């Protein structure tokens, strides 16, 4: 029995365009009607296309499948499947890492209510950081573009990072804070991240740890938002030692106002 392309599309649950593309790539060759341009498929064609869909659901592209169906030996087929095996294992490993990152981020969000405008003494994480913006001005020099792309490819494992001078965190002029990206040591190692200047590794340090928020979005971020943490240090005669650093935890439209929540570490002696 012969089947038209629409019938085959319904049998296989694919679009006629997919079937035409398989034909274009030489995967299958339906017969053409003598008096019309209709394509006709037989049961063998349909079974062969099912085999193609089997490979497709392993993640092979149609172009790759076109090569696979012309492989001349079982050994070569096994070699192709071995390559896909390695590819899938790498994808699984990355997805497991993404899941771990997502779980950790949810744990960070869960601490917002506990630490918002409150301070505790704890060790900051060890991380790698990259600065590409001072105040509101991005560095767009050619030498840094490759580094910026490297960090963007590391999403979502990195964080939006800020840093400000500990000795002059007020009154909050635009050049008193810097922005970039950071990666904790765990993810820098897992991603085999190449750390090179102007990147820097920031060691774990005993710090005043806190969470604060900025309401109003554009232009609202300023070092003065951490005044309460500075007061906490003064009241306890604690000396801040080194740059204050932190990350953006979340940005939400809270009561119709763009609001950013930030986690910060103020290193102490």
Protein backbone atom coordinates (compact mmCIF):
# COMPACT_ATOMS: atom_id res chain seq x y z
CA UNK A 1 0.00 0.00 0.00
CA UNK A 2 1.15 3.51 -0.80
CA UNK A 3 0.81 6.45 1.59
CA UNK A 4 0.79 10.16 0.79
CA UNK A 5 3.07 12.50 2.73
CA UNK A 6 0.20 13.76 4.90
CA UNK A 7 -0.66 10.18 5.89
CA UNK A 8 2.97 9.44 6.82
CA UNK A 9 3.17 12.69 8.80
CA UNK A 10 0.14 11.56 10.84
CA UNK A 11 1.51 8.05 11.34
CA UNK A 12 4.87 9.33 12.60
CA UNK A 13 3.61 12.45 14.37
CA UNK A 14 5.91 14.79 12.45
CA UNK A 15 5.34 17.64 10.02
CA UNK A 16 5.41 17.14 6.24
CA UNK A 17 8.28 19.66 6.15
CA UNK A 18 10.41 17.27 8.24
CA UNK A 19 9.68 14.46 5.78
CA UNK A 20 10.63 16.71 2.85
CA UNK A 21 13.88 17.59 4.61
CA UNK A 22 14.70 13.91 5.14
CA UNK A 23 14.11 13.44 1.42
CA UNK A 24 16.31 16.43 0.56
CA UNK A 25 19.13 14.95 2.63
CA UNK A 26 18.82 11.60 0.87
CA UNK A 27 17.60 9.74 3.92
CA UNK A 28 14.49 8.46 2.19
CA UNK A 29 13.33 8.50 -1.43
CA UNK A 30 9.56 8.27 -1.89
CA UNK A 31 8.23 7.54 -5.34
CA UNK A 32 6.53 10.27 -7.36
CA UNK A 33 3.16 9.92 -9.05
CA UNK A 34 3.21 9.45 -12.83
CA UNK A 35 0.52 12.05 -13.44
CA UNK A 36 1.15 14.33 -10.47
CA UNK A 37 3.89 15.49 -8.15
CA UNK A 38 2.59 13.61 -5.12
CA UNK A 39 5.04 11.67 -2.98
CA UNK A 40 4.15 8.10 -2.13
CA UNK A 41 5.70 6.13 0.72
CA UNK A 42 5.43 2.39 1.34
CA UNK A 43 5.62 0.49 4.64
CA UNK A 44 9.40 0.04 4.25
CA UNK A 45 9.87 3.82 3.93
CA UNK A 46 7.82 4.38 7.07
CA UNK A 47 9.80 1.77 9.05
CA UNK A 48 13.04 3.37 7.86
CA UNK A 49 11.81 6.79 8.95
CA UNK A 50 10.94 5.31 12.37
CA UNK A 51 14.58 4.22 12.64
CA UNK A 52 15.60 7.79 11.80
CA UNK A 53 13.35 9.13 14.55
CA UNK A 54 14.97 6.65 16.93
CA UNK A 55 18.34 8.29 16.27
CA UNK A 56 16.76 11.76 16.37
CA UNK A 57 15.56 11.16 19.92
CA UNK A 58 19.13 10.52 21.02
CA UNK A 59 19.80 14.10 19.96
CA UNK A 60 21.27 13.51 16.51
CA UNK A 61 20.48 16.21 13.96
CA UNK A 62 18.87 15.34 10.64
CA UNK A 63 22.19 16.04 8.91
CA UNK A 64 23.90 13.58 11.27
CA UNK A 65 21.17 11.01 10.71
CA UNK A 66 21.69 11.34 6.96
CA UNK A 67 25.29 10.29 7.55
CA UNK A 68 24.38 7.55 10.02
CA UNK A 69 22.03 5.75 7.62
CA UNK A 70 24.90 5.54 5.12
CA UNK A 71 27.46 4.15 7.59
CA UNK A 72 28.93 0.98 6.03
CA UNK A 73 29.74 -1.05 9.15
CA UNK A 74 28.56 -1.84 12.66
CA UNK A 75 31.96 -0.82 14.04
CA UNK A 76 31.65 2.66 12.54
CA UNK A 77 28.08 2.96 13.81
CA UNK A 78 29.30 2.06 17.29
CA UNK A 79 31.98 4.74 17.02
CA UNK A 80 29.35 7.34 16.17
CA UNK A 81 27.20 6.22 19.09
CA UNK A 82 30.25 6.38 21.39
CA UNK A 83 30.65 10.04 20.45
CA UNK A 84 27.02 10.70 21.32
CA UNK A 85 27.51 8.78 24.58
CA UNK A 86 30.29 11.18 25.60
CA UNK A 87 28.19 14.18 24.52
CA UNK A 88 25.19 13.05 26.59
CA UNK A 89 27.34 12.35 29.63
CA UNK A 90 28.81 15.85 29.40
CA UNK A 91 25.30 17.30 29.10
CA UNK A 92 24.11 15.29 32.11
CA UNK A 93 27.11 16.47 34.13
CA UNK A 94 26.37 20.09 33.26
CA UNK A 95 22.67 19.70 34.06
CA UNK A 96 23.55 18.18 37.43
CA UNK A 97 25.79 21.18 38.06
CA UNK A 98 22.98 23.51 36.99
CA UNK A 99 20.61 21.75 39.38
CA UNK A 100 23.10 22.15 42.21
CA UNK A 101 23.46 25.84 41.37
CA UNK A 102 19.69 26.29 41.32
CA UNK A 103 19.30 24.56 44.69
CA UNK A 104 22.01 26.75 46.21
CA UNK A 105 20.43 29.88 44.81
CA UNK A 106 17.06 28.93 46.30
CA UNK A 107 18.81 28.44 49.65
CA UNK A 108 20.31 31.93 49.29
CA UNK A 109 16.87 33.39 48.58
CA UNK A 110 15.46 31.61 51.63
CA UNK A 111 17.92 33.54 53.82
CA UNK A 112 16.78 36.98 52.65
CA UNK A 113 14.14 37.42 55.35
CA UNK A 114 16.56 36.17 58.00
CA UNK A 115 19.45 38.49 57.09
CA UNK A 116 17.77 41.52 55.52
CA UNK A 117 19.35 44.57 57.22
CA UNK A 118 20.80 42.26 59.88
CA UNK A 119 24.45 41.41 60.40
CA UNK A 120 26.35 38.29 61.38
CA UNK A 121 30.03 37.41 61.54
CA UNK A 122 30.95 34.57 59.16
CA UNK A 123 33.53 33.55 56.58
CA UNK A 124 32.97 34.77 53.05
CA UNK A 125 33.27 32.21 50.23
CA UNK A 126 36.44 31.98 48.18
CA UNK A 127 35.71 33.24 44.70
CA UNK A 128 37.13 34.53 41.43
CA UNK A 129 36.01 37.97 40.32
CA UNK A 130 36.18 40.08 37.18
CA UNK A 131 35.50 43.84 37.13
CA UNK A 132 34.18 45.37 33.90
CA UNK A 133 32.29 48.43 35.12
CA UNK A 134 33.14 51.38 37.39
CA UNK A 135 30.08 53.28 38.57
CA UNK A 136 27.89 53.46 35.46
CA UNK A 137 30.70 53.17 32.94
CA UNK A 138 31.54 49.85 31.28
CA UNK A 139 35.03 49.10 30.04
CA UNK A 140 34.53 48.30 26.36
CA UNK A 141 38.21 47.96 25.47
CA UNK A 142 38.95 45.20 22.98
CA UNK A 143 41.21 43.34 25.39
CA UNK A 144 38.34 42.76 27.82
CA UNK A 145 35.69 41.64 25.35
CA UNK A 146 36.97 38.06 25.27
CA UNK A 147 36.95 37.93 29.07
CA UNK A 148 33.41 39.30 29.22
CA UNK A 149 32.26 36.61 26.78
CA UNK A 150 33.99 33.97 28.89
CA UNK A 151 32.03 35.11 31.93
CA UNK A 152 28.75 35.31 30.04
CA UNK A 153 29.24 31.72 28.90
CA UNK A 154 29.63 30.75 32.57
CA UNK A 155 26.04 31.80 33.30
CA UNK A 156 24.18 30.72 35.42
CA UNK A 157 27.06 29.58 37.63
CA UNK A 158 28.38 33.07 38.24
CA UNK A 159 26.85 36.06 40.01
CA UNK A 160 26.57 39.75 39.27
CA UNK A 161 29.27 41.10 41.57
CA UNK A 162 29.93 44.49 43.17
CA UNK A 163 32.86 45.87 45.10
CA UNK A 164 33.46 49.14 46.94
CA UNK A 165 36.35 50.63 48.86
CA UNK A 166 36.19 49.91 52.56
CA UNK A 167 38.00 53.10 53.54
CA UNK A 168 35.62 55.42 51.68
CA UNK A 169 32.25 53.70 51.16
CA UNK A 170 30.37 57.00 51.64
CA UNK A 171 28.86 59.27 50.44
CA UNK A 172 28.33 57.12 47.35
CA UNK A 173 29.80 58.83 44.33
CA UNK A 174 29.48 56.85 41.12
CA UNK A 175 33.15 55.87 41.05
CA UNK A 176 33.09 54.50 44.59
CA UNK A 177 31.76 51.11 43.49
CA UNK A 178 32.63 48.62 40.78
CA UNK A 179 30.63 45.89 39.04
CA UNK A 180 31.44 42.64 37.31
CA UNK A 181 31.03 38.90 37.79
CA UNK A 182 32.10 36.38 40.41
CA UNK A 183 32.39 32.59 40.59
CA UNK A 184 32.79 30.64 43.79
CA UNK A 185 35.78 28.34 43.85
CA UNK A 186 33.49 25.30 43.52
CA UNK A 187 32.15 26.38 40.13
CA UNK A 188 35.41 27.87 38.89
CA UNK A 189 36.99 24.44 39.39
CA UNK A 190 34.01 22.51 37.99
CA UNK A 191 34.00 24.63 34.82
CA UNK A 192 37.82 24.50 34.56
CA UNK A 193 37.64 28.27 34.44
CA UNK A 194 40.81 29.93 33.26
CA UNK A 195 41.72 32.64 35.78
CA UNK A 196 43.97 35.32 34.33
CA UNK A 197 44.50 39.07 34.86
CA UNK A 198 42.58 41.29 35.28
CA UNK A 199 40.62 38.57 37.08
CA UNK A 200 41.53 37.99 40.71
CA UNK A 201 41.03 35.26 43.26
CA UNK A 202 39.53 36.57 46.51
CA UNK A 203 40.26 34.28 49.46
CA UNK A 204 37.74 33.40 52.15
CA UNK A 205 37.84 36.04 54.90
CA UNK A 206 36.12 36.61 58.21
CA UNK A 207 33.46 39.20 57.43
CA UNK A 208 30.35 41.03 58.47
CA UNK A 209 27.74 39.21 56.40
CA UNK A 210 24.43 40.87 55.54
CA UNK A 211 21.68 41.31 52.95
CA UNK A 212 20.27 44.67 51.88
CA UNK A 213 17.99 45.90 49.15
CA UNK A 214 17.81 48.77 46.69
CA UNK A 215 14.40 50.08 45.63
CA UNK A 216 13.89 52.15 42.55
CA UNK A 217 16.14 50.49 40.02
CA UNK A 218 18.22 52.79 37.81
CA UNK A 219 20.52 55.11 39.73
CA UNK A 220 19.44 53.92 43.17
CA UNK A 221 22.42 51.73 44.03
CA UNK A 222 24.86 53.52 46.35
CA UNK A 223 27.35 52.57 49.09
CA UNK A 224 25.19 54.46 51.59
CA UNK A 225 22.81 51.48 51.48
CA UNK A 226 25.33 49.72 53.74
CA UNK A 227 25.41 52.45 56.40
CA UNK A 228 23.67 50.18 58.89
CA UNK A 229 26.48 47.60 58.50
CA UNK A 230 29.09 50.30 59.06
CA UNK A 231 27.24 51.34 62.20
CA UNK A 232 27.22 47.71 63.33
CA UNK A 233 31.02 47.63 62.97
CA UNK A 234 31.51 50.97 64.78
CA UNK A 235 29.30 49.95 67.70
CA UNK A 236 31.42 46.84 68.23
CA UNK A 237 34.78 48.50 67.53
CA UNK A 238 35.29 46.24 64.52
CA UNK A 239 37.67 47.45 61.81
CA UNK A 240 36.72 46.77 58.20
CA UNK A 241 39.78 45.59 56.35
CA UNK A 242 39.82 45.44 52.55
CA UNK A 243 37.16 46.01 49.89
CA UNK A 244 33.51 45.38 50.63
CA UNK A 245 32.11 42.92 48.10
CA UNK A 246 28.81 41.29 47.30
CA UNK A 247 26.46 39.79 44.75
CA UNK A 248 23.01 40.40 43.37
CA UNK A 249 20.65 37.73 44.74
CA UNK A 250 17.41 38.72 43.05
CA UNK A 251 15.70 41.48 41.14
CA UNK A 252 11.90 41.63 41.47
CA UNK A 253 9.07 44.06 40.83
CA UNK A 254 8.07 44.56 44.46
CA UNK A 255 4.93 46.69 44.91
CA UNK A 256 5.44 47.80 41.29
CA UNK A 257 8.93 49.07 42.13
CA UNK A 258 12.04 47.40 40.74
CA UNK A 259 13.87 46.06 43.79
CA UNK A 260 17.26 44.40 43.99
CA UNK A 261 18.36 42.20 46.89
CA UNK A 262 22.11 42.07 47.52
CA UNK A 263 24.29 39.86 49.70
CA UNK A 264 27.39 41.59 51.05
CA UNK A 265 30.56 40.74 52.96
CA UNK A 266 32.54 43.41 54.82
CA UNK A 267 35.93 41.84 55.62
CA UNK A 268 37.17 42.45 59.15
CA UNK A 269 40.44 42.04 61.03
